[in-house]
Amino acid sequence: MHWTRGRGRHVPLALVLFVVLFCGLLLSMFPDDDQGELRTPVHSGSSAEGGPARLSASAVMDLVIVGFRENLSWIEGVVANITPPPRVKLICKGELINDQRCQRIENRGTEEFGFLSHIIENYEKLAPITMFMGANPLNTAFDCIAWRSLHYVLAQVDTVQKRMAFPGFVALRVSGFDPDFDVWHYHAHADGETSKLCRPSVSPFGEWYQRVVERNLSKAACAGQSSSGIFAVSAGQIRRYGVAHYERLREEVLRCPGNAFTAGHYIERSWMPMFGPCLPAGRAGRGGALAEALLRADCGLFPSVFPPGSGE
C-alpha cells in the first residue's frame, strides 16, 4: 500500500509510520513547557499527588535544622507534612546529639551560627528553596511563637505547587522593624536561668543593622520582623548578598565566647528585613488571614499535627 502526495509521488506507509513514531519519541524526551521540569521515575506512573510523575527543579527544598541537645523525634512528623519530602540537613552543634544525620559544627551561638555556616559552605550549591529552623519548635516559650511560625511557614511550602509559586521568602511577621531594640540579659526557657549577654560590636539593633547588614533602613522599615528563626528563603534571595556578607554576620557570633550574646537576637530579627519583601503602605500587616489566625490562637489549644517533641 502507498500514500500519494501530489502528482506521481508515492511514499511507503511504513516509512510514514516510522517518522511519526520517531518524532513522538523525541518529544517525549523533553518537557512540554518552559518551566524547567525534571522528569522523575515513579513506579506507579504518577506522583504522590496523583499528577504526572515530574518534580520541578524550582520545587526542590532543603530543610536545615540546627540542634544542640534536643529530642528530634518531631522531625519525621514535619517531613511527613511536606510533599514530596525535603532533604533534611541536620546541623549539630557539639557532640550531645547522637544522630547519624548530624553534620557537626562547633557549639557557638544559637541556631543562627548553623544557618550562616550552611549558607557560607553551600553558597554556590544552595537548594532552590531552603527552610531554616532550630531543633526545638515544640515549646511554649514566648506564647508558642516558634510553634506558630512553624505552622505558618509549612503552610506556604508543603506542596510542589506552592513551592513552584514561591515568592522568595516566607516567615511569620510579628512586628515592625524596631531600631531601638536591645537586650542585656536573657531568661532561658530550658533551665530558667538568666544570663548576662555578651555585647555586640555596636548597639542598639538599628545601628548594628546599618553597620553589619545594610546601611539603608528603608527596606527594613517596611518589611518588618519575624521571630524564632523559622523561615524559608530562595537561593536567589540569599545570593542578593555575597559570601563576605554572611561571613561578617558569622563574625558577630564568633566574637563572643559561648552561647549568650546580644547579636544573636539581632540576627534573628534580621532575616525578614534582609530577605523579605517591602510591602506597600496598607499591606504591611502580619501576613494575611492565616497569620492573623495563628497569632490569635490560644497557645494551649494548638492542634497536634506533629509527634510530641522536646520541652527543652
C-alpha atoms as a PDB file:
ATOM      1  CA  MET A   1       0.000   0.000   0.000  1.00  0.00           C
ATOM      2  CA  HIS A   2       1.243   3.508  -0.854  1.00  0.00           C
ATOM      3  CA  TRP A   3       0.318   7.013   0.293  1.00  0.00           C
ATOM      4  CA  THR A   4       0.208   9.606  -2.561  1.00  0.00           C
ATOM      5  CA  ARG A   5       1.025  13.307  -2.136  1.00  0.00           C
ATOM      6  CA  GLY A   6       0.906  15.437  -5.287  1.00  0.00           C
ATOM      7  CA  ARG A   7       1.298  14.105  -8.741  1.00  0.00           C
ATOM      8  CA  GLY A   8       3.297  10.938  -9.210  1.00  0.00           C
ATOM      9  CA  ARG A   9       4.920  10.856  -5.660  1.00  0.00           C
ATOM     10  CA  HIS A  10       4.441   7.623  -3.732  1.00  0.00           C
ATOM     11  CA  VAL A  11       5.760   7.206  -0.140  1.00  0.00           C
ATOM     12  CA  PRO A  12       5.570   3.837   1.610  1.00  0.00           C
ATOM     13  CA  LEU A  13       3.122   3.877   4.529  1.00  0.00           C
ATOM     14  CA  ALA A  14       5.671   2.053   6.719  1.00  0.00           C
ATOM     15  CA  LEU A  15       8.099   4.960   6.331  1.00  0.00           C
ATOM     16  CA  VAL A  16       5.394   7.451   7.367  1.00  0.00           C
ATOM     17  CA  LEU A  17       4.595   5.438  10.489  1.00  0.00           C
ATOM     18  CA  PHE A  18       8.299   5.216  11.341  1.00  0.00           C
ATOM     19  CA  VAL A  19       8.711   9.019  11.106  1.00  0.00           C
ATOM     20  CA  VAL A  20       5.628   9.629  13.276  1.00  0.00           C
ATOM     21  CA  LEU A  21       6.798   7.211  15.959  1.00  0.00           C
ATOM     22  CA  PHE A  22      10.343   8.629  15.920  1.00  0.00           C
ATOM     23  CA  CYS A  23       9.088  12.210  16.335  1.00  0.00           C
ATOM     24  CA  GLY A  24       6.868  11.137  19.197  1.00  0.00           C
ATOM     25  CA  LEU A  25       9.828   9.520  20.894  1.00  0.00           C
ATOM     26  CA  LEU A  26      11.877  12.715  20.580  1.00  0.00           C
ATOM     27  CA  LEU A  27       9.084  14.848  22.015  1.00  0.00           C
ATOM     28  CA  SER A  28       8.688  12.535  24.977  1.00  0.00           C
ATOM     29  CA  MET A  29      12.316  13.154  25.938  1.00  0.00           C
ATOM     30  CA  PHE A  30      11.753  16.867  26.628  1.00  0.00           C
ATOM     31  CA  PRO A  31       9.398  18.840  28.917  1.00  0.00           C
ATOM     32  CA  ASP A  32       6.250  20.083  27.245  1.00  0.00           C
ATOM     33  CA  ASP A  33       6.582  23.570  28.725  1.00  0.00           C
ATOM     34  CA  ASP A  34       9.284  26.047  29.694  1.00  0.00           C
ATOM     35  CA  GLN A  35       9.158  25.531  33.453  1.00  0.00           C
ATOM     36  CA  GLY A  36      12.436  23.627  33.658  1.00  0.00           C
ATOM     37  CA  GLU A  37      10.734  20.469  34.896  1.00  0.00           C
ATOM     38  CA  LEU A  38      12.745  17.342  35.535  1.00  0.00           C
ATOM     39  CA  ARG A  39      11.048  14.037  34.891  1.00  0.00           C
ATOM     40  CA  THR A  40      11.483  11.594  37.742  1.00  0.00           C
ATOM     41  CA  PRO A  41      10.649   7.885  37.560  1.00  0.00           C
ATOM     42  CA  VAL A  42       7.809   6.721  39.791  1.00  0.00           C
ATOM     43  CA  HIS A  43       6.903   3.036  39.780  1.00  0.00           C
ATOM     44  CA  SER A  44       3.186   3.719  39.846  1.00  0.00           C
ATOM     45  CA  GLY A  45       3.492   6.045  36.837  1.00  0.00           C
ATOM     46  CA  SER A  46       2.218   9.038  38.790  1.00  0.00           C
ATOM     47  CA  SER A  47       3.356  11.362  41.525  1.00  0.00           C
ATOM     48  CA  ALA A  48       2.350  11.153  45.161  1.00  0.00           C
ATOM     49  CA  GLU A  49      -0.132  13.938  44.454  1.00  0.00           C
ATOM     50  CA  GLY A  50      -1.839  11.963  41.696  1.00  0.00           C
ATOM     51  CA  GLY A  51      -0.463  14.080  38.863  1.00  0.00           C
ATOM     52  CA  PRO A  52       2.243  13.454  36.251  1.00  0.00           C
ATOM     53  CA  ALA A  53       5.432  11.880  37.536  1.00  0.00           C
ATOM     54  CA  ARG A  54       7.511  15.069  37.490  1.00  0.00           C
ATOM     55  CA  LEU A  55       9.176  17.338  40.027  1.00  0.00           C
ATOM     56  CA  SER A  56      10.015  20.903  39.085  1.00  0.00           C
ATOM     57  CA  ALA A  57      13.636  21.802  39.739  1.00  0.00           C
ATOM     58  CA  SER A  58      12.390  25.002  41.369  1.00  0.00           C
ATOM     59  CA  ALA A  59      10.359  22.946  43.889  1.00  0.00           C
ATOM     60  CA  VAL A  60      13.332  21.124  45.430  1.00  0.00           C
ATOM     61  CA  MET A  61      13.721  22.126  49.084  1.00  0.00           C
ATOM     62  CA  ASP A  62      16.254  21.557  51.849  1.00  0.00           C
ATOM     63  CA  LEU A  63      15.138  21.556  55.485  1.00  0.00           C
ATOM     64  CA  VAL A  64      18.047  22.842  57.589  1.00  0.00           C
ATOM     65  CA  ILE A  65      17.641  22.070  61.311  1.00  0.00           C
ATOM     66  CA  VAL A  66      20.204  23.277  63.841  1.00  0.00           C
ATOM     67  CA  GLY A  67      20.325  21.475  67.184  1.00  0.00           C
ATOM     68  CA  PHE A  68      22.383  21.139  70.350  1.00  0.00           C
ATOM     69  CA  ARG A  69      20.821  18.556  72.705  1.00  0.00           C
ATOM     70  CA  GLU A  70      17.125  18.414  71.733  1.00  0.00           C
ATOM     71  CA  ASN A  71      14.782  15.456  71.277  1.00  0.00           C
ATOM     72  CA  LEU A  72      14.464  15.194  67.476  1.00  0.00           C
ATOM     73  CA  SER A  73      11.522  12.770  67.326  1.00  0.00           C
ATOM     74  CA  TRP A  74       9.324  15.526  65.838  1.00  0.00           C
ATOM     75  CA  ILE A  75      11.317  15.790  62.590  1.00  0.00           C
ATOM     76  CA  GLU A  76       9.610  12.855  60.880  1.00  0.00           C
ATOM     77  CA  GLY A  77       6.207  14.363  61.631  1.00  0.00           C
ATOM     78  CA  VAL A  78       7.170  17.650  59.992  1.00  0.00           C
ATOM     79  CA  VAL A  79       8.718  15.950  56.963  1.00  0.00           C
ATOM     80  CA  ALA A  80       5.583  13.811  56.522  1.00  0.00           C
ATOM     81  CA  ASN A  81       3.572  17.018  56.048  1.00  0.00           C
ATOM     82  CA  ILE A  82       5.680  18.099  53.041  1.00  0.00           C
ATOM     83  CA  THR A  83       5.104  16.542  49.596  1.00  0.00           C
ATOM     84  CA  PRO A  84       7.477  15.374  48.253  1.00  0.00           C
ATOM     85  CA  PRO A  85       9.658  15.327  51.374  1.00  0.00           C
ATOM     86  CA  PRO A  86      12.553  17.800  51.625  1.00  0.00           C
ATOM     87  CA  ARG A  87      16.192  16.866  52.003  1.00  0.00           C
ATOM     88  CA  VAL A  88      16.898  17.086  55.735  1.00  0.00           C
ATOM     89  CA  LYS A  89      20.197  18.750  56.665  1.00  0.00           C
ATOM     90  CA  LEU A  90      20.735  18.253  60.404  1.00  0.00           C
ATOM     91  CA  ILE A  91      23.453  20.526  61.790  1.00  0.00           C
ATOM     92  CA  CYS A  92      24.535  19.513  65.295  1.00  0.00           C
ATOM     93  CA  LYS A  93      26.418  21.948  67.493  1.00  0.00           C
ATOM     94  CA  GLY A  94      28.814  19.949  69.626  1.00  0.00           C
ATOM     95  CA  GLU A  95      28.622  16.231  70.406  1.00  0.00           C
ATOM     96  CA  LEU A  96      25.465  15.827  72.509  1.00  0.00           C
ATOM     97  CA  ILE A  97      23.090  14.732  69.722  1.00  0.00           C
ATOM     98  CA  ASN A  98      23.574  11.111  68.682  1.00  0.00           C
ATOM     99  CA  ASP A  99      22.112  11.019  65.185  1.00  0.00           C
ATOM    100  CA  GLN A 100      23.750   9.629  62.056  1.00  0.00           C
ATOM    101  CA  ARG A 101      22.409  12.577  60.054  1.00  0.00           C
ATOM    102  CA  CYS A 102      24.489  15.072  62.068  1.00  0.00           C
ATOM    103  CA  GLN A 103      26.787  17.482  60.285  1.00  0.00           C
ATOM    104  CA  ARG A 104      28.803  18.629  63.297  1.00  0.00           C
ATOM    105  CA  ILE A 105      29.984  22.163  63.917  1.00  0.00           C
ATOM    106  CA  GLU A 106      31.457  23.966  66.900  1.00  0.00           C
ATOM    107  CA  ASN A 107      28.977  24.769  69.682  1.00  0.00           C
ATOM    108  CA  ARG A 108      28.890  28.530  69.295  1.00  0.00           C
ATOM    109  CA  GLY A 109      25.913  30.853  69.371  1.00  0.00           C
ATOM    110  CA  THR A 110      22.431  29.515  68.775  1.00  0.00           C
ATOM    111  CA  GLU A 111      20.716  28.391  65.575  1.00  0.00           C
ATOM    112  CA  GLU A 112      21.927  31.385  63.548  1.00  0.00           C
ATOM    113  CA  PHE A 113      25.507  30.054  63.692  1.00  0.00           C
ATOM    114  CA  GLY A 114      24.340  26.879  61.935  1.00  0.00           C
ATOM    115  CA  PHE A 115      22.254  28.822  59.404  1.00  0.00           C
ATOM    116  CA  LEU A 116      25.193  31.039  58.478  1.00  0.00           C
ATOM    117  CA  SER A 117      27.595  28.089  58.310  1.00  0.00           C
ATOM    118  CA  HIS A 118      25.235  26.286  55.917  1.00  0.00           C
ATOM    119  CA  ILE A 119      24.908  29.336  53.677  1.00  0.00           C
ATOM    120  CA  ILE A 120      28.649  30.018  53.564  1.00  0.00           C
ATOM    121  CA  GLU A 121      29.654  26.414  52.912  1.00  0.00           C
ATOM    122  CA  ASN A 122      26.951  25.798  50.290  1.00  0.00           C
ATOM    123  CA  TYR A 123      26.694  29.248  48.719  1.00  0.00           C
ATOM    124  CA  GLU A 124      27.213  28.036  45.125  1.00  0.00           C
ATOM    125  CA  LYS A 125      25.085  24.888  45.535  1.00  0.00           C
ATOM    126  CA  LEU A 126      22.127  26.034  47.614  1.00  0.00           C
ATOM    127  CA  ALA A 127      18.786  24.315  47.076  1.00  0.00           C
ATOM    128  CA  PRO A 128      16.237  26.419  45.145  1.00  0.00           C
ATOM    129  CA  ILE A 129      14.391  26.797  48.472  1.00  0.00           C
ATOM    130  CA  THR A 130      15.785  26.277  51.971  1.00  0.00           C
ATOM    131  CA  MET A 131      13.661  26.156  55.099  1.00  0.00           C
ATOM    132  CA  PHE A 132      15.656  27.048  58.218  1.00  0.00           C
ATOM    133  CA  MET A 133      14.716  26.294  61.811  1.00  0.00           C
ATOM    134  CA  GLY A 134      16.066  25.416  65.231  1.00  0.00           C
ATOM    135  CA  ALA A 135      15.612  21.958  66.716  1.00  0.00           C
ATOM    136  CA  ASN A 136      13.095  22.833  69.415  1.00  0.00           C
ATOM    137  CA  PRO A 137       9.984  24.351  67.810  1.00  0.00           C
ATOM    138  CA  LEU A 138       7.517  22.451  70.006  1.00  0.00           C
ATOM    139  CA  ASN A 139       7.705  24.567  73.131  1.00  0.00           C
ATOM    140  CA  THR A 140       5.526  27.162  74.806  1.00  0.00           C
ATOM    141  CA  ALA A 141       8.185  29.869  75.187  1.00  0.00           C
ATOM    142  CA  PHE A 142       7.101  33.396  74.294  1.00  0.00           C
ATOM    143  CA  ASP A 143       3.479  32.357  73.809  1.00  0.00           C
ATOM    144  CA  CYS A 144       4.320  29.481  71.424  1.00  0.00           C
ATOM    145  CA  ILE A 145       5.800  31.806  68.791  1.00  0.00           C
ATOM    146  CA  ALA A 146       8.035  29.052  67.369  1.00  0.00           C
ATOM    147  CA  TRP A 147       5.030  26.729  67.041  1.00  0.00           C
ATOM    148  CA  ARG A 148       3.004  29.444  65.324  1.00  0.00           C
ATOM    149  CA  SER A 149       5.895  30.274  62.987  1.00  0.00           C
ATOM    150  CA  LEU A 150       6.412  26.633  62.050  1.00  0.00           C
ATOM    151  CA  HIS A 151       2.750  26.186  61.106  1.00  0.00           C
ATOM    152  CA  TYR A 152       2.788  29.375  59.050  1.00  0.00           C
ATOM    153  CA  VAL A 153       5.920  28.561  57.048  1.00  0.00           C
ATOM    154  CA  LEU A 154       4.909  24.935  56.422  1.00  0.00           C
ATOM    155  CA  ALA A 155       1.591  26.105  55.013  1.00  0.00           C
ATOM    156  CA  GLN A 156       3.491  28.042  52.320  1.00  0.00           C
ATOM    157  CA  VAL A 157       5.844  25.243  51.176  1.00  0.00           C
ATOM    158  CA  ASP A 158       4.133  21.902  51.828  1.00  0.00           C
ATOM    159  CA  THR A 159       3.279  21.060  48.184  1.00  0.00           C
ATOM    160  CA  VAL A 160       5.049  21.190  44.828  1.00  0.00           C
ATOM    161  CA  GLN A 161       2.539  23.728  43.529  1.00  0.00           C
ATOM    162  CA  LYS A 162       3.216  26.119  46.411  1.00  0.00           C
ATOM    163  CA  ARG A 163       6.975  25.798  46.034  1.00  0.00           C
ATOM    164  CA  MET A 164       6.779  26.434  42.283  1.00  0.00           C
ATOM    165  CA  ALA A 165       4.961  29.696  43.101  1.00  0.00           C
ATOM    166  CA  PHE A 166       7.313  30.513  45.992  1.00  0.00           C
ATOM    167  CA  PRO A 167       7.695  34.303  46.380  1.00  0.00           C
ATOM    168  CA  GLY A 168      11.320  34.193  47.561  1.00  0.00           C
ATOM    169  CA  PHE A 169      10.823  34.407  51.325  1.00  0.00           C
ATOM    170  CA  VAL A 170       8.201  33.417  53.885  1.00  0.00           C
ATOM    171  CA  ALA A 171       8.123  33.876  57.645  1.00  0.00           C
ATOM    172  CA  LEU A 172       5.542  34.870  60.213  1.00  0.00           C
ATOM    173  CA  ARG A 173       5.731  38.651  60.588  1.00  0.00           C
ATOM    174  CA  VAL A 174       5.327  39.528  64.242  1.00  0.00           C
ATOM    175  CA  SER A 175       6.133  43.241  64.364  1.00  0.00           C
ATOM    176  CA  GLY A 176       7.550  46.231  62.569  1.00  0.00           C
ATOM    177  CA  PHE A 177      11.288  46.825  62.445  1.00  0.00           C
ATOM    178  CA  ASP A 178      12.400  48.199  65.814  1.00  0.00           C
ATOM    179  CA  PRO A 179      15.739  50.034  65.549  1.00  0.00           C
ATOM    180  CA  ASP A 180      15.743  50.749  69.304  1.00  0.00           C
ATOM    181  CA  PHE A 181      15.547  47.092  70.333  1.00  0.00           C
ATOM    182  CA  ASP A 182      18.263  45.926  72.711  1.00  0.00           C
ATOM    183  CA  VAL A 183      18.786  43.225  75.331  1.00  0.00           C
ATOM    184  CA  TRP A 184      21.386  42.821  78.073  1.00  0.00           C
ATOM    185  CA  HIS A 185      20.108  39.740  79.914  1.00  0.00           C
ATOM    186  CA  TYR A 186      18.224  36.668  78.706  1.00  0.00           C
ATOM    187  CA  HIS A 187      15.984  34.330  80.699  1.00  0.00           C
ATOM    188  CA  ALA A 188      16.423  30.857  79.203  1.00  0.00           C
ATOM    189  CA  HIS A 189      13.269  28.808  78.705  1.00  0.00           C
ATOM    190  CA  ALA A 190      15.067  25.471  79.053  1.00  0.00           C
ATOM    191  CA  ASP A 191      16.600  25.812  82.508  1.00  0.00           C
ATOM    192  CA  GLY A 192      15.097  29.030  83.818  1.00  0.00           C
ATOM    193  CA  GLU A 193      18.477  30.693  84.278  1.00  0.00           C
ATOM    194  CA  THR A 194      19.089  34.331  83.467  1.00  0.00           C
ATOM    195  CA  SER A 195      22.323  35.025  81.612  1.00  0.00           C
ATOM    196  CA  LYS A 196      24.211  38.246  81.087  1.00  0.00           C
ATOM    197  CA  LEU A 197      24.734  38.627  77.363  1.00  0.00           C
ATOM    198  CA  CYS A 198      27.990  39.378  75.595  1.00  0.00           C
ATOM    199  CA  ARG A 199      27.510  42.770  73.963  1.00  0.00           C
ATOM    200  CA  PRO A 200      27.627  43.269  70.169  1.00  0.00           C
ATOM    201  CA  SER A 201      30.133  45.316  68.176  1.00  0.00           C
ATOM    202  CA  VAL A 202      27.643  48.199  68.116  1.00  0.00           C
ATOM    203  CA  SER A 203      24.157  48.795  69.533  1.00  0.00           C
ATOM    204  CA  PRO A 204      21.177  49.166  69.568  1.00  0.00           C
ATOM    205  CA  PHE A 205      19.673  46.970  66.851  1.00  0.00           C
ATOM    206  CA  GLY A 206      19.165  49.722  64.263  1.00  0.00           C
ATOM    207  CA  GLU A 207      22.758  50.955  64.446  1.00  0.00           C
ATOM    208  CA  TRP A 208      24.047  47.378  64.386  1.00  0.00           C
ATOM    209  CA  TYR A 209      21.896  46.589  61.332  1.00  0.00           C
ATOM    210  CA  GLN A 210      23.247  49.616  59.464  1.00  0.00           C
ATOM    211  CA  ARG A 211      26.823  48.707  60.322  1.00  0.00           C
ATOM    212  CA  VAL A 212      26.672  44.936  59.715  1.00  0.00           C
ATOM    213  CA  VAL A 213      23.754  44.260  57.361  1.00  0.00           C
ATOM    214  CA  GLU A 214      22.636  47.212  55.245  1.00  0.00           C
ATOM    215  CA  ARG A 215      23.166  50.925  55.575  1.00  0.00           C
ATOM    216  CA  ASN A 216      19.738  51.988  54.297  1.00  0.00           C
ATOM    217  CA  LEU A 217      16.934  51.146  56.733  1.00  0.00           C
ATOM    218  CA  SER A 218      14.051  51.946  54.363  1.00  0.00           C
ATOM    219  CA  LYS A 219      13.510  48.324  53.264  1.00  0.00           C
ATOM    220  CA  ALA A 220      13.831  47.054  56.838  1.00  0.00           C
ATOM    221  CA  ALA A 221      11.260  49.608  57.990  1.00  0.00           C
ATOM    222  CA  CYS A 222       8.589  48.317  55.613  1.00  0.00           C
ATOM    223  CA  ALA A 223       9.494  44.601  55.715  1.00  0.00           C
ATOM    224  CA  GLY A 224       9.166  44.206  59.487  1.00  0.00           C
ATOM    225  CA  GLN A 225      10.496  41.428  61.719  1.00  0.00           C
ATOM    226  CA  SER A 226       9.913  37.722  62.184  1.00  0.00           C
ATOM    227  CA  SER A 227      10.785  35.711  65.283  1.00  0.00           C
ATOM    228  CA  SER A 228      12.050  32.306  66.417  1.00  0.00           C
ATOM    229  CA  GLY A 229      14.391  31.784  63.449  1.00  0.00           C
ATOM    230  CA  ILE A 230      11.909  29.790  61.336  1.00  0.00           C
ATOM    231  CA  PHE A 231      11.681  30.867  57.692  1.00  0.00           C
ATOM    232  CA  ALA A 232      12.023  29.678  54.095  1.00  0.00           C
ATOM    233  CA  VAL A 233      14.085  31.533  51.517  1.00  0.00           C
ATOM    234  CA  SER A 234      15.112  31.067  47.895  1.00  0.00           C
ATOM    235  CA  ALA A 235      18.699  30.694  46.738  1.00  0.00           C
ATOM    236  CA  GLY A 236      18.223  33.855  44.692  1.00  0.00           C
ATOM    237  CA  GLN A 237      17.313  35.910  47.746  1.00  0.00           C
ATOM    238  CA  ILE A 238      20.268  34.549  49.697  1.00  0.00           C
ATOM    239  CA  ARG A 239      22.598  35.433  46.821  1.00  0.00           C
ATOM    240  CA  ARG A 240      21.458  39.044  46.838  1.00  0.00           C
ATOM    241  CA  TYR A 241      24.358  39.319  49.273  1.00  0.00           C
ATOM    242  CA  GLY A 242      27.846  37.957  48.676  1.00  0.00           C
ATOM    243  CA  VAL A 243      29.593  35.362  50.843  1.00  0.00           C
ATOM    244  CA  ALA A 244      31.500  38.136  52.637  1.00  0.00           C
ATOM    245  CA  HIS A 245      28.184  39.453  53.979  1.00  0.00           C
ATOM    246  CA  TYR A 246      27.406  36.145  55.730  1.00  0.00           C
ATOM    247  CA  GLU A 247      30.990  35.802  56.952  1.00  0.00           C
ATOM    248  CA  ARG A 248      30.620  39.245  58.547  1.00  0.00           C
ATOM    249  CA  LEU A 249      27.437  38.121  60.290  1.00  0.00           C
ATOM    250  CA  ARG A 250      29.134  34.948  61.490  1.00  0.00           C
ATOM    251  CA  GLU A 251      31.969  37.018  62.940  1.00  0.00           C
ATOM    252  CA  GLU A 252      29.366  38.700  65.151  1.00  0.00           C
ATOM    253  CA  VAL A 253      28.673  35.245  66.581  1.00  0.00           C
ATOM    254  CA  LEU A 254      32.324  34.245  66.930  1.00  0.00           C
ATOM    255  CA  ARG A 255      33.422  37.455  68.653  1.00  0.00           C
ATOM    256  CA  CYS A 256      31.641  36.274  71.817  1.00  0.00           C
ATOM    257  CA  PRO A 257      32.522  33.105  73.760  1.00  0.00           C
ATOM    258  CA  GLY A 258      29.782  30.585  74.430  1.00  0.00           C
ATOM    259  CA  ASN A 259      26.123  30.984  73.505  1.00  0.00           C
ATOM    260  CA  ALA A 260      24.815  34.027  75.373  1.00  0.00           C
ATOM    261  CA  PHE A 261      25.199  37.146  73.262  1.00  0.00           C
ATOM    262  CA  THR A 262      23.072  40.075  72.122  1.00  0.00           C
ATOM    263  CA  ALA A 263      23.951  39.848  68.418  1.00  0.00           C
ATOM    264  CA  GLY A 264      22.117  36.520  68.194  1.00  0.00           C
ATOM    265  CA  HIS A 265      18.887  38.368  68.996  1.00  0.00           C
ATOM    266  CA  TYR A 266      19.756  40.993  66.388  1.00  0.00           C
ATOM    267  CA  ILE A 267      20.420  38.350  63.703  1.00  0.00           C
ATOM    268  CA  GLU A 268      17.131  36.572  64.493  1.00  0.00           C
ATOM    269  CA  ARG A 269      15.335  39.870  63.800  1.00  0.00           C
ATOM    270  CA  SER A 270      17.314  40.490  60.600  1.00  0.00           C
ATOM    271  CA  TRP A 271      16.175  37.588  58.397  1.00  0.00           C
ATOM    272  CA  MET A 272      12.918  39.249  57.326  1.00  0.00           C
ATOM    273  CA  PRO A 273      14.420  42.713  56.646  1.00  0.00           C
ATOM    274  CA  MET A 274      17.223  41.037  54.657  1.00  0.00           C
ATOM    275  CA  PHE A 275      15.174  38.604  52.572  1.00  0.00           C
ATOM    276  CA  GLY A 276      11.533  39.671  52.836  1.00  0.00           C
ATOM    277  CA  PRO A 277       9.529  41.919  50.520  1.00  0.00           C
ATOM    278  CA  CYS A 278       8.972  45.592  51.156  1.00  0.00           C
ATOM    279  CA  LEU A 279       5.190  45.784  51.173  1.00  0.00           C
ATOM    280  CA  PRO A 280       3.376  48.991  50.186  1.00  0.00           C
ATOM    281  CA  ALA A 281       1.742  51.021  52.927  1.00  0.00           C
ATOM    282  CA  GLY A 282      -1.535  49.417  53.912  1.00  0.00           C
ATOM    283  CA  ARG A 283      -0.319  45.905  53.033  1.00  0.00           C
ATOM    284  CA  ALA A 284       2.458  45.658  55.598  1.00  0.00           C
ATOM    285  CA  GLY A 285       0.307  43.728  58.023  1.00  0.00           C
ATOM    286  CA  ARG A 286       1.082  40.399  59.634  1.00  0.00           C
ATOM    287  CA  GLY A 287       0.749  38.147  56.612  1.00  0.00           C
ATOM    288  CA  GLY A 288      -2.913  37.607  55.858  1.00  0.00           C
ATOM    289  CA  ALA A 289      -5.737  35.592  57.372  1.00  0.00           C
ATOM    290  CA  LEU A 290      -3.643  32.526  58.260  1.00  0.00           C
ATOM    291  CA  ALA A 291      -1.046  34.608  60.087  1.00  0.00           C
ATOM    292  CA  GLU A 292      -3.724  36.521  61.989  1.00  0.00           C
ATOM    293  CA  ALA A 293      -5.472  33.285  62.978  1.00  0.00           C
ATOM    294  CA  LEU A 294      -2.230  31.720  64.199  1.00  0.00           C
ATOM    295  CA  LEU A 295      -1.261  34.807  66.174  1.00  0.00           C
ATOM    296  CA  ARG A 296      -4.705  34.971  67.851  1.00  0.00           C
ATOM    297  CA  ALA A 297      -4.952  31.253  68.630  1.00  0.00           C
ATOM    298  CA  ASP A 298      -4.762  30.073  72.234  1.00  0.00           C
ATOM    299  CA  CYS A 299      -1.288  28.631  72.808  1.00  0.00           C
ATOM    300  CA  GLY A 300      -2.731  25.719  74.775  1.00  0.00           C
ATOM    301  CA  LEU A 301      -5.178  24.722  72.043  1.00  0.00           C
ATOM    302  CA  PHE A 302      -2.888  24.230  69.060  1.00  0.00           C
ATOM    303  CA  PRO A 303      -3.832  21.139  67.045  1.00  0.00           C
ATOM    304  CA  SER A 304      -1.216  18.413  67.461  1.00  0.00           C
ATOM    305  CA  VAL A 305      -0.269  17.615  63.865  1.00  0.00           C
ATOM    306  CA  PHE A 306       3.265  16.524  64.759  1.00  0.00           C
ATOM    307  CA  PRO A 307       4.504  13.951  67.286  1.00  0.00           C
ATOM    308  CA  PRO A 308       5.297  15.316  70.766  1.00  0.00           C
ATOM    309  CA  GLY A 309       8.768  16.838  70.853  1.00  0.00           C
ATOM    310  CA  SER A 310      11.190  18.133  73.378  1.00  0.00           C
ATOM    311  CA  GLY A 311      10.187  20.626  76.027  1.00  0.00           C
ATOM    312  CA  GLU A 312      13.829  21.519  76.465  1.00  0.00           C
END
